[in-house]
Amino acid sequence: MKKTFVLTFGLVLTLAFSSFAQKFGYLNSVALLSELPEVKQADSDLKAFQTQLTKRGQEMVKELQDKATELDRKKELGTIAPKDYQTKAAELQAEETAIGEYEKEVYDKLSKKREELYKPILEKVNTAMQDVAKENGYLLVFDTSTQVLLYAHESLDVTNLVKAKLGIPASTSGGGQ
């Protein structure tokens, strides 16, 4: 009887601990993304877009440099009046400011294009990762390349418990995310 009790108790403990076992996983998003054909295509498209935008900027800079060189040459030769020189120099300064604005515009356009190209890819990967986590019973999935938590099972959210501890009413939305 005592032997049966010990075996039964051991079996119950084993089952209890196995039910509390939590499954964690990780992935390397950098390595994963580098293998996706969609990312390679997006990289290529973004680079082509950037080349197109920067080519125009380079042309603007070259044009400004040529005008400045010509203006300085005229000043050295004394073929331009000081007042005309100041007027032309102010015009060149305005062009330089316009080039600076164009640089900002290029940066904004590149940021928007990058988001436009990569957002659907990242959403696809995130959905696949969440599906894999749910299908395989992972409670937490980490990204080893960024050390960021990518997925957490909703049962692990302790937001409402912390709110209760702090005297804050719990939300009905299921957590605080």
C-alpha atoms as a PDB file:
ATOM      1  CA  MET A   1       0.000   0.000   0.000  1.00  0.00           C
ATOM      2  CA  LYS A   2       2.797   2.359   0.924  1.00  0.00           C
ATOM      3  CA  LYS A   3       4.621   1.559  -2.307  1.00  0.00           C
ATOM      4  CA  THR A   4       1.449   2.197  -4.349  1.00  0.00           C
ATOM      5  CA  PHE A   5       0.924   5.519  -2.560  1.00  0.00           C
ATOM      6  CA  VAL A   6       4.486   6.636  -3.298  1.00  0.00           C
ATOM      7  CA  LEU A   7       4.160   5.656  -6.980  1.00  0.00           C
ATOM      8  CA  THR A   8       0.785   7.380  -7.274  1.00  0.00           C
ATOM      9  CA  PHE A   9       2.107  10.493  -5.529  1.00  0.00           C
ATOM     10  CA  GLY A  10       5.161  10.506  -7.813  1.00  0.00           C
ATOM     11  CA  LEU A  11       2.951  10.173 -10.890  1.00  0.00           C
ATOM     12  CA  VAL A  12       0.707  13.013  -9.709  1.00  0.00           C
ATOM     13  CA  LEU A  13       3.745  15.247  -9.089  1.00  0.00           C
ATOM     14  CA  THR A  14       5.163  14.423 -12.504  1.00  0.00           C
ATOM     15  CA  LEU A  15       1.871  15.269 -14.187  1.00  0.00           C
ATOM     16  CA  ALA A  16       1.528  18.458 -12.159  1.00  0.00           C
ATOM     17  CA  PHE A  17       5.019  19.668 -13.045  1.00  0.00           C
ATOM     18  CA  SER A  18       4.618  18.765 -16.699  1.00  0.00           C
ATOM     19  CA  SER A  19       1.382  20.779 -16.852  1.00  0.00           C
ATOM     20  CA  PHE A  20       3.271  23.771 -15.455  1.00  0.00           C
ATOM     21  CA  ALA A  21       6.088  23.382 -17.947  1.00  0.00           C
ATOM     22  CA  GLN A  22       6.237  26.424 -20.155  1.00  0.00           C
ATOM     23  CA  LYS A  23       7.470  26.320 -23.697  1.00  0.00           C
ATOM     24  CA  PHE A  24       9.696  29.124 -24.966  1.00  0.00           C
ATOM     25  CA  GLY A  25      11.204  29.679 -28.381  1.00  0.00           C
ATOM     26  CA  TYR A  26      13.394  32.065 -30.289  1.00  0.00           C
ATOM     27  CA  LEU A  27      14.211  33.057 -33.823  1.00  0.00           C
ATOM     28  CA  ASN A  28      16.786  35.214 -35.541  1.00  0.00           C
ATOM     29  CA  SER A  29      14.776  37.754 -37.521  1.00  0.00           C
ATOM     30  CA  VAL A  30      17.827  39.172 -39.324  1.00  0.00           C
ATOM     31  CA  ALA A  31      18.780  35.754 -40.686  1.00  0.00           C
ATOM     32  CA  LEU A  32      15.157  34.970 -41.524  1.00  0.00           C
ATOM     33  CA  LEU A  33      14.544  38.239 -43.360  1.00  0.00           C
ATOM     34  CA  SER A  34      17.799  37.943 -45.305  1.00  0.00           C
ATOM     35  CA  GLU A  35      16.494  34.731 -46.852  1.00  0.00           C
ATOM     36  CA  LEU A  36      13.122  36.083 -47.974  1.00  0.00           C
ATOM     37  CA  PRO A  37      12.914  36.856 -51.707  1.00  0.00           C
ATOM     38  CA  GLU A  38      10.448  39.663 -50.932  1.00  0.00           C
ATOM     39  CA  VAL A  39      13.084  41.412 -48.820  1.00  0.00           C
ATOM     40  CA  LYS A  40      15.673  41.112 -51.577  1.00  0.00           C
ATOM     41  CA  GLN A  41      13.190  42.625 -54.044  1.00  0.00           C
ATOM     42  CA  ALA A  42      12.273  45.411 -51.605  1.00  0.00           C
ATOM     43  CA  ASP A  43      15.981  46.164 -51.059  1.00  0.00           C
ATOM     44  CA  SER A  44      16.472  46.403 -54.816  1.00  0.00           C
ATOM     45  CA  ASP A  45      13.412  48.622 -55.291  1.00  0.00           C
ATOM     46  CA  LEU A  46      14.464  50.918 -52.449  1.00  0.00           C
ATOM     47  CA  LYS A  47      17.989  51.214 -53.802  1.00  0.00           C
ATOM     48  CA  ALA A  48      16.688  52.106 -57.280  1.00  0.00           C
ATOM     49  CA  PHE A  49      14.362  54.720 -55.774  1.00  0.00           C
ATOM     50  CA  GLN A  50      17.222  56.155 -53.705  1.00  0.00           C
ATOM     51  CA  THR A  51      19.494  56.308 -56.760  1.00  0.00           C
ATOM     52  CA  GLN A  52      16.827  58.163 -58.697  1.00  0.00           C
ATOM     53  CA  LEU A  53      16.354  60.727 -55.917  1.00  0.00           C
ATOM     54  CA  THR A  54      20.041  61.224 -55.153  1.00  0.00           C
ATOM     55  CA  LYS A  55      20.919  61.629 -58.827  1.00  0.00           C
ATOM     56  CA  ARG A  56      18.755  64.747 -58.990  1.00  0.00           C
ATOM     57  CA  GLY A  57      20.357  66.058 -55.790  1.00  0.00           C
ATOM     58  CA  GLN A  58      23.843  65.471 -57.171  1.00  0.00           C
ATOM     59  CA  GLU A  59      22.900  67.366 -60.328  1.00  0.00           C
ATOM     60  CA  MET A  60      21.671  70.281 -58.208  1.00  0.00           C
ATOM     61  CA  VAL A  61      24.925  70.335 -56.197  1.00  0.00           C
ATOM     62  CA  LYS A  62      27.074  70.174 -59.347  1.00  0.00           C
ATOM     63  CA  GLU A  63      25.112  73.016 -60.908  1.00  0.00           C
ATOM     64  CA  LEU A  64      25.525  75.120 -57.758  1.00  0.00           C
ATOM     65  CA  GLN A  65      29.257  74.405 -57.611  1.00  0.00           C
ATOM     66  CA  ASP A  66      29.665  75.414 -61.258  1.00  0.00           C
ATOM     67  CA  LYS A  67      27.790  78.672 -60.681  1.00  0.00           C
ATOM     68  CA  ALA A  68      29.862  79.437 -57.561  1.00  0.00           C
ATOM     69  CA  THR A  69      33.105  78.729 -59.419  1.00  0.00           C
ATOM     70  CA  GLU A  70      32.049  80.978 -62.293  1.00  0.00           C
ATOM     71  CA  LEU A  71      31.018  83.748 -59.891  1.00  0.00           C
ATOM     72  CA  ASP A  72      34.361  83.552 -58.065  1.00  0.00           C
ATOM     73  CA  ARG A  73      36.196  83.621 -61.412  1.00  0.00           C
ATOM     74  CA  LYS A  74      34.331  86.779 -62.452  1.00  0.00           C
ATOM     75  CA  LYS A  75      35.153  88.398 -59.108  1.00  0.00           C
ATOM     76  CA  GLU A  76      38.871  87.585 -59.448  1.00  0.00           C
ATOM     77  CA  LEU A  77      38.934  88.934 -63.003  1.00  0.00           C
ATOM     78  CA  GLY A  78      37.047  92.014 -61.898  1.00  0.00           C
ATOM     79  CA  THR A  79      34.345  91.498 -64.541  1.00  0.00           C
ATOM     80  CA  ILE A  80      31.483  91.738 -62.046  1.00  0.00           C
ATOM     81  CA  ALA A  81      30.484  94.749 -59.958  1.00  0.00           C
ATOM     82  CA  PRO A  82      30.559  94.251 -56.156  1.00  0.00           C
ATOM     83  CA  LYS A  83      26.802  94.879 -55.939  1.00  0.00           C
ATOM     84  CA  ASP A  84      26.104  92.289 -58.670  1.00  0.00           C
ATOM     85  CA  TYR A  85      28.463  89.883 -56.929  1.00  0.00           C
ATOM     86  CA  GLN A  86      26.511  90.213 -53.677  1.00  0.00           C
ATOM     87  CA  THR A  87      23.215  89.706 -55.510  1.00  0.00           C
ATOM     88  CA  LYS A  88      24.490  86.573 -57.275  1.00  0.00           C
ATOM     89  CA  ALA A  89      26.049  85.259 -54.034  1.00  0.00           C
ATOM     90  CA  ALA A  90      22.678  85.675 -52.286  1.00  0.00           C
ATOM     91  CA  GLU A  91      21.000  83.774 -55.138  1.00  0.00           C
ATOM     92  CA  LEU A  92      23.529  80.963 -54.738  1.00  0.00           C
ATOM     93  CA  GLN A  93      22.884  80.917 -50.982  1.00  0.00           C
ATOM     94  CA  ALA A  94      19.159  80.545 -51.699  1.00  0.00           C
ATOM     95  CA  GLU A  95      19.931  77.644 -54.064  1.00  0.00           C
ATOM     96  CA  GLU A  96      22.055  76.025 -51.348  1.00  0.00           C
ATOM     97  CA  THR A  97      19.128  76.317 -48.937  1.00  0.00           C
ATOM     98  CA  ALA A  98      16.852  74.746 -51.558  1.00  0.00           C
ATOM     99  CA  ILE A  99      19.285  71.847 -51.897  1.00  0.00           C
ATOM    100  CA  GLY A 100      19.156  71.376 -48.110  1.00  0.00           C
ATOM    101  CA  GLU A 101      15.366  71.261 -48.291  1.00  0.00           C
ATOM    102  CA  TYR A 102      15.597  68.751 -51.124  1.00  0.00           C
ATOM    103  CA  GLU A 103      17.838  66.561 -48.932  1.00  0.00           C
ATOM    104  CA  LYS A 104      15.164  66.567 -46.211  1.00  0.00           C
ATOM    105  CA  GLU A 105      12.518  65.763 -48.817  1.00  0.00           C
ATOM    106  CA  VAL A 106      14.621  62.848 -50.100  1.00  0.00           C
ATOM    107  CA  TYR A 107      15.024  61.505 -46.569  1.00  0.00           C
ATOM    108  CA  ASP A 108      11.258  61.701 -45.982  1.00  0.00           C
ATOM    109  CA  LYS A 109      10.474  60.045 -49.307  1.00  0.00           C
ATOM    110  CA  LEU A 110      12.955  57.247 -48.600  1.00  0.00           C
ATOM    111  CA  SER A 111      11.454  56.663 -45.152  1.00  0.00           C
ATOM    112  CA  LYS A 112       7.947  56.473 -46.594  1.00  0.00           C
ATOM    113  CA  LYS A 113       9.050  54.184 -49.415  1.00  0.00           C
ATOM    114  CA  ARG A 114      10.896  51.922 -46.955  1.00  0.00           C
ATOM    115  CA  GLU A 115       7.781  51.617 -44.809  1.00  0.00           C
ATOM    116  CA  GLU A 116       5.620  51.006 -47.879  1.00  0.00           C
ATOM    117  CA  LEU A 117       7.920  48.219 -49.096  1.00  0.00           C
ATOM    118  CA  TYR A 118       8.745  46.483 -45.810  1.00  0.00           C
ATOM    119  CA  LYS A 119       5.536  46.805 -43.784  1.00  0.00           C
ATOM    120  CA  PRO A 120       3.634  44.030 -45.629  1.00  0.00           C
ATOM    121  CA  ILE A 121       6.680  41.749 -45.425  1.00  0.00           C
ATOM    122  CA  LEU A 122       7.102  42.301 -41.692  1.00  0.00           C
ATOM    123  CA  GLU A 123       3.375  41.768 -41.117  1.00  0.00           C
ATOM    124  CA  LYS A 124       3.563  38.494 -43.059  1.00  0.00           C
ATOM    125  CA  VAL A 125       6.543  37.305 -41.000  1.00  0.00           C
ATOM    126  CA  ASN A 126       4.916  38.381 -37.732  1.00  0.00           C
ATOM    127  CA  THR A 127       1.707  36.543 -38.605  1.00  0.00           C
ATOM    128  CA  ALA A 128       3.653  33.397 -39.521  1.00  0.00           C
ATOM    129  CA  MET A 129       5.658  33.615 -36.296  1.00  0.00           C
ATOM    130  CA  GLN A 130       2.501  34.010 -34.196  1.00  0.00           C
ATOM    131  CA  ASP A 131       0.847  31.093 -36.001  1.00  0.00           C
ATOM    132  CA  VAL A 132       3.878  28.881 -35.356  1.00  0.00           C
ATOM    133  CA  ALA A 133       3.929  29.912 -31.686  1.00  0.00           C
ATOM    134  CA  LYS A 134       0.242  29.116 -31.227  1.00  0.00           C
ATOM    135  CA  GLU A 135       0.365  25.863 -33.231  1.00  0.00           C
ATOM    136  CA  ASN A 136       3.342  24.586 -31.251  1.00  0.00           C
ATOM    137  CA  GLY A 137       2.273  25.804 -27.827  1.00  0.00           C
ATOM    138  CA  TYR A 138       5.005  28.405 -27.276  1.00  0.00           C
ATOM    139  CA  LEU A 139       4.161  30.888 -24.561  1.00  0.00           C
ATOM    140  CA  LEU A 140       7.049  33.240 -25.361  1.00  0.00           C
ATOM    141  CA  VAL A 141       9.144  33.741 -28.497  1.00  0.00           C
ATOM    142  CA  PHE A 142      12.239  35.936 -28.456  1.00  0.00           C
ATOM    143  CA  ASP A 143      14.244  37.443 -31.298  1.00  0.00           C
ATOM    144  CA  THR A 144      17.916  36.626 -30.777  1.00  0.00           C
ATOM    145  CA  SER A 145      19.077  39.344 -33.154  1.00  0.00           C
ATOM    146  CA  THR A 146      17.383  42.152 -31.218  1.00  0.00           C
ATOM    147  CA  GLN A 147      16.764  40.565 -27.804  1.00  0.00           C
ATOM    148  CA  VAL A 148      13.110  41.562 -28.052  1.00  0.00           C
ATOM    149  CA  LEU A 149      10.032  39.591 -27.095  1.00  0.00           C
ATOM    150  CA  LEU A 150       8.125  38.876 -30.309  1.00  0.00           C
ATOM    151  CA  TYR A 151       5.199  36.878 -28.992  1.00  0.00           C
ATOM    152  CA  ALA A 152       3.650  36.285 -25.603  1.00  0.00           C
ATOM    153  CA  HIS A 153       0.619  34.152 -24.884  1.00  0.00           C
ATOM    154  CA  GLU A 154      -2.146  36.325 -23.473  1.00  0.00           C
ATOM    155  CA  SER A 155      -2.315  34.159 -20.342  1.00  0.00           C
ATOM    156  CA  LEU A 156       1.083  35.571 -19.321  1.00  0.00           C
ATOM    157  CA  ASP A 157      -0.141  39.200 -19.290  1.00  0.00           C
ATOM    158  CA  VAL A 158      -0.004  40.441 -15.708  1.00  0.00           C
ATOM    159  CA  THR A 159      -1.082  44.019 -16.460  1.00  0.00           C
ATOM    160  CA  ASN A 160      -4.428  43.719 -14.659  1.00  0.00           C
ATOM    161  CA  LEU A 161      -2.760  42.110 -11.640  1.00  0.00           C
ATOM    162  CA  VAL A 162      -0.305  45.007 -11.392  1.00  0.00           C
ATOM    163  CA  LYS A 163      -3.143  47.490 -11.872  1.00  0.00           C
ATOM    164  CA  ALA A 164      -5.029  45.851  -9.007  1.00  0.00           C
ATOM    165  CA  LYS A 165      -1.932  46.029  -6.811  1.00  0.00           C
ATOM    166  CA  LEU A 166      -1.675  49.743  -7.603  1.00  0.00           C
ATOM    167  CA  GLY A 167      -5.380  50.355  -7.024  1.00  0.00           C
ATOM    168  CA  ILE A 168      -6.143  51.016 -10.700  1.00  0.00           C
ATOM    169  CA  PRO A 169      -9.387  49.500 -12.034  1.00  0.00           C
ATOM    170  CA  ALA A 170      -8.747  46.627 -14.449  1.00  0.00           C
ATOM    171  CA  SER A 171      -9.687  47.290 -18.042  1.00  0.00           C
ATOM    172  CA  THR A 172     -12.132  45.076 -19.833  1.00  0.00           C
ATOM    173  CA  SER A 173      -9.945  44.983 -22.951  1.00  0.00           C
ATOM    174  CA  GLY A 174      -7.893  42.124 -21.521  1.00  0.00           C
ATOM    175  CA  GLY A 175      -4.598  43.556 -20.420  1.00  0.00           C
ATOM    176  CA  GLY A 176      -2.894  46.829 -20.908  1.00  0.00           C
ATOM    177  CA  GLN A 177      -1.451  46.521 -24.351  1.00  0.00           C
END
